[in-house]
């Protein structure tokens, strides 16, 4: 770390502690050249994930949209809020770990459906009706036959 007083590039860490928000680390450093002390803050740099919509437009990934869709699909079903949040967290973690900066909205929808199918089939069907945009009952029946 470059000293803010003399510009020397070597320093030693005297003290480290997390900040109140716990999203960064405060480090107290001492320059090995001039001996003066200074403070630095270390934070994690994240790359935003863009979602490619069906019309080709792009927007930032928003886990709240997944959560809202799941809440609507699971309405009056025995699915707890912690299960919904677990699905959202799992999808967000999967996308962050994939190293892809862009993801198609259809891929996110498939990820939601895959996880929802294991929790509640009725909620899964409700979500699929909106996600797959069934235009008539025959499309829904064909989908149900594949289950």
N, C-alpha and C. Protein backbone atom coordinates (compact mmCIF):
# COMPACT_ATOMS: atom_id res chain seq x y z
N UNK A 1 0.85 -1.17 0.00
CA UNK A 1 0.00 0.00 0.00
C UNK A 1 0.89 1.23 0.00
N UNK A 2 0.62 2.17 -0.86
CA UNK A 2 1.44 3.38 -1.00
C UNK A 2 1.17 4.34 0.16
N UNK A 3 2.23 4.81 0.80
CA UNK A 3 2.13 5.75 1.91
C UNK A 3 1.61 7.09 1.39
N UNK A 4 0.64 7.65 2.11
CA UNK A 4 0.06 8.92 1.68
C UNK A 4 0.96 10.12 2.02
N UNK A 5 1.99 9.88 2.84
CA UNK A 5 2.88 10.96 3.25
C UNK A 5 4.14 11.03 2.41
N UNK A 6 4.80 9.88 2.21
CA UNK A 6 6.08 9.90 1.49
C UNK A 6 6.03 9.17 0.15
N UNK A 7 4.96 8.42 -0.12
CA UNK A 7 4.82 7.74 -1.40
C UNK A 7 5.50 6.38 -1.47
N UNK A 8 6.10 5.94 -0.36
CA UNK A 8 6.78 4.65 -0.32
C UNK A 8 5.73 3.53 -0.42
N UNK A 9 6.08 2.44 -1.12
CA UNK A 9 5.11 1.38 -1.39
C UNK A 9 5.03 0.28 -0.34
N UNK A 10 5.89 0.27 0.64
CA UNK A 10 5.84 -0.77 1.65
C UNK A 10 5.30 -0.23 2.97
N UNK A 11 4.36 -0.98 3.53
CA UNK A 11 3.80 -0.63 4.84
C UNK A 11 3.44 -1.92 5.54
N UNK A 12 3.27 -1.83 6.84
CA UNK A 12 2.85 -3.02 7.57
C UNK A 12 1.50 -2.73 8.23
N UNK A 13 0.68 -3.78 8.35
CA UNK A 13 -0.63 -3.65 8.98
C UNK A 13 -0.45 -3.77 10.48
N UNK A 14 -0.94 -2.76 11.20
CA UNK A 14 -0.84 -2.75 12.66
C UNK A 14 -2.11 -3.32 13.28
N UNK A 15 -3.26 -2.97 12.69
CA UNK A 15 -4.55 -3.39 13.25
C UNK A 15 -5.56 -3.55 12.12
N UNK A 16 -6.39 -4.59 12.21
CA UNK A 16 -7.48 -4.81 11.24
C UNK A 16 -8.76 -5.07 12.01
N UNK A 17 -9.84 -4.47 11.53
CA UNK A 17 -11.16 -4.75 12.12
C UNK A 17 -12.23 -4.42 11.09
N UNK A 18 -13.34 -5.13 11.21
CA UNK A 18 -14.44 -4.87 10.28
C UNK A 18 -15.16 -3.60 10.71
N UNK A 19 -15.77 -2.94 9.72
CA UNK A 19 -16.51 -1.71 10.02
C UNK A 19 -17.87 -2.06 10.60
N UNK A 20 -18.60 -1.04 11.00
CA UNK A 20 -19.92 -1.25 11.59
C UNK A 20 -20.87 -1.97 10.65
N UNK A 21 -20.80 -1.66 9.35
CA UNK A 21 -21.68 -2.30 8.38
C UNK A 21 -21.19 -3.69 7.99
N UNK A 22 -19.99 -4.04 8.37
CA UNK A 22 -19.36 -5.34 8.07
C UNK A 22 -19.22 -5.62 6.59
N UNK A 23 -19.20 -4.56 5.78
CA UNK A 23 -18.98 -4.78 4.35
C UNK A 23 -17.61 -4.29 3.92
N UNK A 24 -16.80 -3.86 4.87
CA UNK A 24 -15.43 -3.48 4.57
C UNK A 24 -14.56 -3.71 5.80
N UNK A 25 -13.26 -3.70 5.56
CA UNK A 25 -12.30 -3.90 6.65
C UNK A 25 -11.46 -2.64 6.79
N UNK A 26 -11.34 -2.15 7.99
CA UNK A 26 -10.53 -0.98 8.30
C UNK A 26 -9.15 -1.49 8.72
N UNK A 27 -8.13 -1.00 8.05
CA UNK A 27 -6.76 -1.41 8.38
C UNK A 27 -5.93 -0.19 8.77
N UNK A 28 -5.28 -0.31 9.90
CA UNK A 28 -4.37 0.72 10.36
C UNK A 28 -2.98 0.28 9.92
N UNK A 29 -2.29 1.14 9.18
CA UNK A 29 -1.00 0.79 8.60
C UNK A 29 0.10 1.74 9.07
N UNK A 30 1.35 1.23 8.99
CA UNK A 30 2.50 2.06 9.31
C UNK A 30 3.49 1.96 8.16
N UNK A 31 3.93 3.11 7.67
CA UNK A 31 4.88 3.14 6.56
C UNK A 31 6.24 2.66 7.05
N UNK A 32 6.87 1.78 6.27
CA UNK A 32 8.17 1.25 6.66
C UNK A 32 9.30 2.22 6.36
N UNK A 33 9.01 3.28 5.60
CA UNK A 33 10.03 4.27 5.26
C UNK A 33 10.02 5.45 6.25
N UNK A 34 8.87 6.12 6.38
CA UNK A 34 8.82 7.33 7.22
C UNK A 34 8.24 7.06 8.62
N UNK A 35 7.60 5.91 8.83
CA UNK A 35 7.08 5.55 10.13
C UNK A 35 5.73 6.16 10.48
N UNK A 36 5.16 6.96 9.57
CA UNK A 36 3.85 7.56 9.85
C UNK A 36 2.76 6.52 9.65
N UNK A 37 1.65 6.75 10.35
CA UNK A 37 0.52 5.81 10.30
C UNK A 37 -0.64 6.40 9.50
N UNK A 38 -1.36 5.52 8.84
CA UNK A 38 -2.55 5.93 8.08
C UNK A 38 -3.54 4.77 8.04
N UNK A 39 -4.77 5.09 7.67
CA UNK A 39 -5.85 4.11 7.67
C UNK A 39 -6.31 3.85 6.23
N UNK A 40 -6.57 2.58 5.93
CA UNK A 40 -7.15 2.22 4.64
C UNK A 40 -8.41 1.38 4.89
N UNK A 41 -9.28 1.37 3.90
CA UNK A 41 -10.50 0.57 3.95
C UNK A 41 -10.51 -0.37 2.75
N UNK A 42 -10.76 -1.63 3.03
CA UNK A 42 -10.76 -2.66 2.00
C UNK A 42 -12.19 -3.17 1.82
N UNK A 43 -12.69 -3.14 0.57
CA UNK A 43 -14.03 -3.63 0.27
C UNK A 43 -13.96 -4.61 -0.89
N UNK A 44 -14.97 -5.45 -0.99
CA UNK A 44 -15.06 -6.41 -2.07
C UNK A 44 -15.63 -5.70 -3.29
N UNK A 45 -14.98 -5.88 -4.41
CA UNK A 45 -15.45 -5.29 -5.66
C UNK A 45 -16.29 -6.34 -6.39
N UNK A 46 -17.52 -5.99 -6.67
CA UNK A 46 -18.40 -6.92 -7.36
C UNK A 46 -18.69 -6.41 -8.77
N UNK A 47 -18.86 -7.35 -9.68
CA UNK A 47 -19.21 -7.02 -11.05
C UNK A 47 -20.71 -7.18 -11.20
N UNK A 48 -21.39 -6.15 -11.68
CA UNK A 48 -22.84 -6.27 -11.82
C UNK A 48 -23.21 -7.29 -12.90
N UNK A 49 -24.31 -7.99 -12.66
CA UNK A 49 -24.82 -8.97 -13.61
C UNK A 49 -25.95 -8.31 -14.39
N UNK A 50 -25.87 -8.40 -15.72
CA UNK A 50 -26.93 -7.86 -16.55
C UNK A 50 -27.84 -8.98 -17.02
N UNK A 51 -29.13 -8.72 -17.02
CA UNK A 51 -30.12 -9.69 -17.48
C UNK A 51 -30.54 -9.28 -18.89
N UNK A 52 -30.46 -10.23 -19.81
CA UNK A 52 -30.89 -9.99 -21.19
C UNK A 52 -32.36 -10.39 -21.28
N UNK A 53 -33.21 -9.42 -21.47
CA UNK A 53 -34.65 -9.66 -21.54
C UNK A 53 -35.00 -10.29 -22.89
N UNK A 54 -36.22 -10.80 -23.01
CA UNK A 54 -36.65 -11.45 -24.25
C UNK A 54 -36.64 -10.50 -25.44
N UNK A 55 -36.85 -9.20 -25.20
CA UNK A 55 -36.85 -8.24 -26.31
C UNK A 55 -35.44 -7.76 -26.66
N UNK A 56 -34.42 -8.30 -25.99
CA UNK A 56 -33.04 -7.94 -26.28
C UNK A 56 -32.49 -6.83 -25.40
N UNK A 57 -33.34 -6.16 -24.66
CA UNK A 57 -32.85 -5.10 -23.78
C UNK A 57 -32.13 -5.72 -22.58
N UNK A 58 -31.33 -4.89 -21.92
CA UNK A 58 -30.56 -5.36 -20.76
C UNK A 58 -30.88 -4.49 -19.55
N UNK A 59 -30.90 -5.14 -18.39
CA UNK A 59 -31.07 -4.41 -17.14
C UNK A 59 -30.31 -5.13 -16.04
N UNK A 60 -30.04 -4.41 -14.96
CA UNK A 60 -29.30 -4.99 -13.85
C UNK A 60 -30.11 -6.10 -13.19
N UNK A 61 -29.40 -7.12 -12.73
CA UNK A 61 -30.05 -8.22 -12.02
C UNK A 61 -30.60 -7.70 -10.71
N UNK A 62 -31.87 -8.02 -10.44
CA UNK A 62 -32.52 -7.60 -9.21
C UNK A 62 -33.16 -8.81 -8.54
N UNK A 63 -32.55 -9.32 -7.47
CA UNK A 63 -33.11 -10.50 -6.80
C UNK A 63 -34.51 -10.26 -6.24
N UNK A 64 -34.87 -9.01 -6.00
CA UNK A 64 -36.21 -8.70 -5.49
C UNK A 64 -37.30 -9.08 -6.48
N UNK A 65 -36.99 -9.02 -7.78
CA UNK A 65 -37.98 -9.41 -8.80
C UNK A 65 -38.28 -10.90 -8.70
N UNK A 66 -37.25 -11.70 -8.47
CA UNK A 66 -37.45 -13.14 -8.30
C UNK A 66 -38.29 -13.39 -7.05
N UNK A 67 -37.95 -12.69 -5.99
CA UNK A 67 -38.66 -12.86 -4.72
C UNK A 67 -40.14 -12.52 -4.87
N UNK A 68 -40.45 -11.42 -5.55
CA UNK A 68 -41.85 -11.01 -5.75
C UNK A 68 -42.60 -12.06 -6.55
N UNK A 69 -41.97 -12.58 -7.61
CA UNK A 69 -42.60 -13.61 -8.42
C UNK A 69 -42.86 -14.88 -7.63
N UNK A 70 -41.92 -15.26 -6.79
CA UNK A 70 -42.09 -16.44 -5.96
C UNK A 70 -43.18 -16.25 -4.92
N UNK A 71 -43.23 -15.08 -4.33
CA UNK A 71 -44.27 -14.80 -3.33
C UNK A 71 -45.65 -14.92 -3.98
N UNK A 72 -45.77 -14.39 -5.17
CA UNK A 72 -47.06 -14.45 -5.88
C UNK A 72 -47.42 -15.90 -6.22
N UNK A 73 -46.44 -16.67 -6.68
CA UNK A 73 -46.69 -18.07 -7.05
C UNK A 73 -47.00 -18.93 -5.83
N UNK A 74 -46.43 -18.59 -4.70
CA UNK A 74 -46.60 -19.39 -3.47
C UNK A 74 -47.71 -18.88 -2.57
N UNK A 75 -48.47 -17.92 -3.05
CA UNK A 75 -49.56 -17.36 -2.24
C UNK A 75 -50.55 -18.45 -1.86
N UNK A 76 -50.90 -18.50 -0.58
CA UNK A 76 -51.83 -19.50 -0.02
C UNK A 76 -51.33 -20.93 -0.19
N UNK A 77 -50.03 -21.10 -0.23
CA UNK A 77 -49.41 -22.42 -0.32
C UNK A 77 -48.52 -22.60 0.91
N UNK A 78 -48.25 -23.84 1.29
CA UNK A 78 -47.43 -24.08 2.49
C UNK A 78 -45.93 -23.91 2.23
N UNK A 79 -45.57 -22.76 1.70
CA UNK A 79 -44.16 -22.46 1.42
C UNK A 79 -43.77 -21.29 2.32
N UNK A 80 -42.75 -21.49 3.13
CA UNK A 80 -42.34 -20.45 4.08
C UNK A 80 -41.52 -19.37 3.39
N UNK A 81 -41.49 -18.23 4.04
CA UNK A 81 -40.68 -17.12 3.52
C UNK A 81 -39.20 -17.49 3.51
N UNK A 82 -38.77 -18.30 4.46
CA UNK A 82 -37.36 -18.70 4.48
C UNK A 82 -37.03 -19.59 3.28
N UNK A 83 -37.98 -20.41 2.84
CA UNK A 83 -37.76 -21.23 1.64
C UNK A 83 -37.64 -20.35 0.41
N UNK A 84 -38.49 -19.33 0.31
CA UNK A 84 -38.44 -18.39 -0.81
C UNK A 84 -37.11 -17.67 -0.82
N UNK A 85 -36.70 -17.17 0.33
CA UNK A 85 -35.43 -16.45 0.43
C UNK A 85 -34.25 -17.36 0.12
N UNK A 86 -34.35 -18.62 0.48
CA UNK A 86 -33.30 -19.59 0.17
C UNK A 86 -33.17 -19.78 -1.34
N UNK A 87 -34.29 -19.86 -2.03
CA UNK A 87 -34.27 -20.00 -3.49
C UNK A 87 -33.61 -18.78 -4.12
N UNK A 88 -34.02 -17.58 -3.67
CA UNK A 88 -33.46 -16.34 -4.21
C UNK A 88 -31.96 -16.28 -3.95
N UNK A 89 -31.55 -16.60 -2.72
CA UNK A 89 -30.12 -16.57 -2.37
C UNK A 89 -29.33 -17.57 -3.20
N UNK A 90 -29.89 -18.77 -3.38
CA UNK A 90 -29.22 -19.81 -4.16
C UNK A 90 -29.03 -19.38 -5.61
N UNK A 91 -30.05 -18.78 -6.20
CA UNK A 91 -29.95 -18.33 -7.59
C UNK A 91 -28.94 -17.19 -7.70
N UNK A 92 -29.00 -16.25 -6.77
CA UNK A 92 -28.06 -15.14 -6.78
C UNK A 92 -26.62 -15.62 -6.63
N UNK A 93 -26.41 -16.58 -5.75
CA UNK A 93 -25.07 -17.15 -5.55
C UNK A 93 -24.59 -17.88 -6.81
N UNK A 94 -25.49 -18.65 -7.42
CA UNK A 94 -25.15 -19.38 -8.63
C UNK A 94 -24.74 -18.43 -9.75
N UNK A 95 -25.50 -17.35 -9.91
CA UNK A 95 -25.18 -16.37 -10.96
C UNK A 95 -23.87 -15.65 -10.67
N UNK A 96 -23.63 -15.30 -9.41
CA UNK A 96 -22.38 -14.61 -9.05
C UNK A 96 -21.17 -15.50 -9.26
N UNK A 97 -21.32 -16.79 -8.98
CA UNK A 97 -20.20 -17.73 -9.12
C UNK A 97 -19.97 -18.19 -10.55
N UNK A 98 -20.90 -17.88 -11.45
CA UNK A 98 -20.79 -18.37 -12.83
C UNK A 98 -19.76 -17.61 -13.65
N UNK A 99 -19.34 -16.44 -13.20
CA UNK A 99 -18.37 -15.58 -13.88
C UNK A 99 -18.93 -14.97 -15.16
N UNK A 100 -20.20 -15.21 -15.47
CA UNK A 100 -20.84 -14.57 -16.61
C UNK A 100 -21.38 -13.22 -16.18
N UNK A 101 -21.11 -12.20 -16.97
CA UNK A 101 -21.61 -10.87 -16.63
C UNK A 101 -23.01 -10.64 -17.18
N UNK A 102 -23.44 -11.52 -18.10
CA UNK A 102 -24.76 -11.41 -18.68
C UNK A 102 -25.45 -12.77 -18.62
N UNK A 103 -26.75 -12.75 -18.35
CA UNK A 103 -27.53 -13.98 -18.28
C UNK A 103 -28.89 -13.69 -18.89
N UNK A 104 -29.42 -14.66 -19.62
CA UNK A 104 -30.74 -14.49 -20.23
C UNK A 104 -31.81 -14.65 -19.16
N UNK A 105 -32.87 -13.88 -19.29
CA UNK A 105 -33.97 -13.97 -18.33
C UNK A 105 -34.59 -15.36 -18.35
N UNK A 106 -34.55 -16.02 -19.51
CA UNK A 106 -35.10 -17.38 -19.60
C UNK A 106 -34.30 -18.36 -18.75
N UNK A 107 -33.00 -18.16 -18.64
CA UNK A 107 -32.17 -19.02 -17.80
C UNK A 107 -32.53 -18.84 -16.32
N UNK A 108 -32.78 -17.60 -15.94
CA UNK A 108 -33.17 -17.33 -14.55
C UNK A 108 -34.52 -17.98 -14.27
N UNK A 109 -35.45 -17.86 -15.22
CA UNK A 109 -36.77 -18.48 -15.05
C UNK A 109 -36.67 -19.97 -14.89
N UNK A 110 -35.81 -20.61 -15.67
CA UNK A 110 -35.62 -22.06 -15.56
C UNK A 110 -35.02 -22.44 -14.21
N UNK A 111 -34.11 -21.61 -13.71
CA UNK A 111 -33.50 -21.87 -12.40
C UNK A 111 -34.57 -21.80 -11.30
N UNK A 112 -35.45 -20.82 -11.41
CA UNK A 112 -36.52 -20.67 -10.42
C UNK A 112 -37.44 -21.88 -10.48
N UNK A 113 -37.85 -22.27 -11.70
CA UNK A 113 -38.77 -23.39 -11.85
C UNK A 113 -38.18 -24.69 -11.32
N UNK A 114 -36.90 -24.90 -11.59
CA UNK A 114 -36.23 -26.13 -11.13
C UNK A 114 -36.28 -26.24 -9.60
N UNK A 115 -36.01 -25.12 -8.92
CA UNK A 115 -36.00 -25.13 -7.46
C UNK A 115 -37.43 -25.18 -6.89
N UNK A 116 -38.35 -24.51 -7.55
CA UNK A 116 -39.73 -24.46 -7.07
C UNK A 116 -40.42 -25.81 -7.22
N UNK A 117 -40.06 -26.56 -8.23
CA UNK A 117 -40.67 -27.87 -8.46
C UNK A 117 -40.42 -28.81 -7.29
N UNK A 118 -39.26 -28.70 -6.67
CA UNK A 118 -38.91 -29.56 -5.55
C UNK A 118 -39.61 -29.16 -4.25
N UNK A 119 -40.15 -27.94 -4.20
CA UNK A 119 -40.76 -27.46 -2.97
C UNK A 119 -42.29 -27.60 -2.99
N UNK A 120 -42.93 -27.14 -4.08
CA UNK A 120 -44.39 -27.17 -4.14
C UNK A 120 -44.83 -27.20 -5.61
N UNK A 121 -45.50 -28.26 -6.01
CA UNK A 121 -45.88 -28.43 -7.42
C UNK A 121 -46.93 -27.42 -7.87
N UNK A 122 -47.86 -27.04 -7.00
CA UNK A 122 -48.88 -26.06 -7.37
C UNK A 122 -48.23 -24.70 -7.60
N UNK A 123 -47.34 -24.30 -6.73
CA UNK A 123 -46.62 -23.04 -6.91
C UNK A 123 -45.78 -23.10 -8.19
N UNK A 124 -45.23 -24.27 -8.45
CA UNK A 124 -44.45 -24.48 -9.67
C UNK A 124 -45.32 -24.25 -10.91
N UNK A 125 -46.53 -24.80 -10.90
CA UNK A 125 -47.44 -24.65 -12.03
C UNK A 125 -47.88 -23.19 -12.17
N UNK A 126 -48.16 -22.54 -11.05
CA UNK A 126 -48.53 -21.12 -11.08
C UNK A 126 -47.42 -20.28 -11.71
N UNK A 127 -46.19 -20.53 -11.25
CA UNK A 127 -45.06 -19.77 -11.79
C UNK A 127 -44.89 -20.07 -13.28
N UNK A 128 -45.03 -21.34 -13.66
CA UNK A 128 -44.87 -21.73 -15.06
C UNK A 128 -45.92 -21.07 -15.95
N UNK A 129 -47.14 -20.92 -15.45
CA UNK A 129 -48.21 -20.28 -16.23
C UNK A 129 -47.83 -18.85 -16.62
N UNK A 130 -47.24 -18.13 -15.71
CA UNK A 130 -46.83 -16.75 -15.99
C UNK A 130 -45.54 -16.74 -16.80
N UNK A 131 -44.57 -17.55 -16.39
CA UNK A 131 -43.26 -17.56 -17.03
C UNK A 131 -43.32 -18.05 -18.48
N UNK A 132 -44.05 -19.13 -18.71
CA UNK A 132 -44.15 -19.70 -20.06
C UNK A 132 -45.19 -19.02 -20.93
N UNK A 133 -45.96 -18.12 -20.35
CA UNK A 133 -46.96 -17.34 -21.08
C UNK A 133 -47.91 -18.23 -21.88
N UNK A 134 -48.56 -19.15 -21.18
CA UNK A 134 -49.53 -20.02 -21.84
C UNK A 134 -50.67 -19.17 -22.38
N UNK A 135 -50.99 -19.38 -23.66
CA UNK A 135 -52.04 -18.57 -24.28
C UNK A 135 -53.41 -19.23 -24.20
N UNK A 136 -53.44 -20.54 -24.04
CA UNK A 136 -54.73 -21.20 -23.87
C UNK A 136 -54.55 -22.45 -23.01
N UNK A 137 -55.65 -23.08 -22.70
CA UNK A 137 -55.65 -24.22 -21.79
C UNK A 137 -54.92 -25.42 -22.39
N UNK A 138 -54.98 -25.58 -23.70
CA UNK A 138 -54.31 -26.73 -24.32
C UNK A 138 -52.79 -26.68 -24.10
N UNK A 139 -52.20 -25.50 -24.13
CA UNK A 139 -50.76 -25.38 -23.84
C UNK A 139 -50.46 -25.78 -22.40
N UNK A 140 -51.33 -25.36 -21.49
CA UNK A 140 -51.16 -25.73 -20.08
C UNK A 140 -51.30 -27.22 -19.89
N UNK A 141 -52.28 -27.84 -20.53
CA UNK A 141 -52.48 -29.28 -20.40
C UNK A 141 -51.29 -30.04 -20.95
N UNK A 142 -50.76 -29.61 -22.08
CA UNK A 142 -49.55 -30.26 -22.63
C UNK A 142 -48.37 -30.14 -21.67
N UNK A 143 -48.26 -28.99 -21.03
CA UNK A 143 -47.19 -28.80 -20.06
C UNK A 143 -47.38 -29.72 -18.86
N UNK A 144 -48.62 -29.84 -18.38
CA UNK A 144 -48.90 -30.69 -17.24
C UNK A 144 -48.65 -32.16 -17.55
N UNK A 145 -48.86 -32.58 -18.78
CA UNK A 145 -48.62 -33.96 -19.17
C UNK A 145 -47.12 -34.31 -19.10
N UNK A 146 -46.27 -33.30 -19.29
CA UNK A 146 -44.83 -33.55 -19.22
C UNK A 146 -44.36 -33.76 -17.77
N UNK A 147 -45.20 -33.33 -16.82
CA UNK A 147 -44.84 -33.55 -15.41
C UNK A 147 -45.01 -35.00 -15.06
